[in-house]
Amino acid sequence: MTIFLVTFVVIGIAILAMAVGVLVGRRPIGGSCGGLERLGLECDAGCDKPCPERLARLQPPRKELL
């Protein structure tokens, strides 16, 4: 029972610290940079109709003639 209470208190303190951090104005926890898109695994299998945003990213940049 002692281990349960100690664990409960430690987790409670951690949650309280995160809540205070958000209330003070720090950024919330976010994901890492990159992810599946960085590895090229975003749309690996069965992507016959990619969304418009993905199509725009797949197009080579256009060179403007001056």
Protein backbone atom coordinates (compact mmCIF):
# COMPACT_ATOMS: atom_id res chain seq x y z
CA MET A 1 0.00 0.00 0.00
CA THR A 2 2.91 2.35 0.70
CA ILE A 3 4.28 1.92 -2.81
CA PHE A 4 0.86 2.77 -4.24
CA LEU A 5 0.60 5.98 -2.20
CA VAL A 6 4.13 7.08 -3.07
CA THR A 7 3.48 6.41 -6.75
CA PHE A 8 0.17 8.26 -6.61
CA VAL A 9 1.79 11.30 -4.96
CA VAL A 10 4.70 11.39 -7.46
CA ILE A 11 2.35 11.19 -10.46
CA GLY A 12 0.11 13.83 -8.89
CA ILE A 13 3.05 16.19 -8.43
CA ALA A 14 4.12 15.65 -12.06
CA ILE A 15 0.62 16.43 -13.34
CA LEU A 16 0.39 19.50 -11.11
CA ALA A 17 3.77 20.75 -12.37
CA MET A 18 2.67 20.36 -16.01
CA ALA A 19 -0.60 22.18 -15.29
CA VAL A 20 1.22 25.06 -13.60
CA GLY A 21 3.62 25.27 -16.55
CA VAL A 22 0.73 25.61 -18.99
CA LEU A 23 -1.02 28.20 -16.79
CA VAL A 24 2.15 30.28 -16.52
CA GLY A 25 2.28 30.45 -20.31
CA ARG A 26 4.88 27.93 -21.36
CA ARG A 27 4.30 26.06 -24.59
CA PRO A 28 2.35 22.82 -24.31
CA ILE A 29 4.11 19.56 -25.06
CA GLY A 30 4.49 19.10 -28.82
CA GLY A 31 5.68 16.49 -31.25
CA SER A 32 9.19 16.16 -32.55
CA CYS A 33 10.45 17.65 -35.78
CA GLY A 34 10.09 15.41 -38.77
CA GLY A 35 8.02 12.32 -38.35
CA LEU A 36 6.90 10.01 -41.11
CA GLU A 37 6.96 12.73 -43.75
CA ARG A 38 10.65 13.34 -43.17
CA LEU A 39 11.38 9.66 -43.67
CA GLY A 40 9.34 9.55 -46.86
CA LEU A 41 6.75 7.19 -45.39
CA GLU A 42 3.86 9.66 -45.33
CA CYS A 43 1.93 8.25 -48.23
CA ASP A 44 3.67 4.99 -49.04
CA ALA A 45 1.00 2.46 -50.02
CA GLY A 46 -2.31 2.97 -51.76
CA CYS A 47 -2.07 6.69 -52.37
CA ASP A 48 -3.69 6.89 -55.79
CA LYS A 49 -5.35 10.26 -55.15
CA PRO A 50 -3.14 12.49 -52.96
CA CYS A 51 -4.66 15.59 -51.41
CA PRO A 52 -4.10 19.01 -53.06
CA GLU A 53 -1.49 20.04 -50.47
CA ARG A 54 0.57 16.92 -51.19
CA LEU A 55 0.25 17.46 -54.95
CA ALA A 56 1.57 21.00 -54.52
CA ARG A 57 4.56 19.70 -52.55
CA LEU A 58 5.30 17.05 -55.17
CA GLN A 59 5.40 19.57 -58.04
CA PRO A 60 8.89 20.87 -58.91
CA PRO A 61 9.35 24.59 -58.22
CA ARG A 62 8.52 26.83 -61.18
CA LYS A 63 11.23 29.12 -62.49
CA GLU A 64 10.06 32.62 -63.26
CA LEU A 65 11.28 34.18 -66.51
CA LEU A 66 12.48 37.74 -66.10
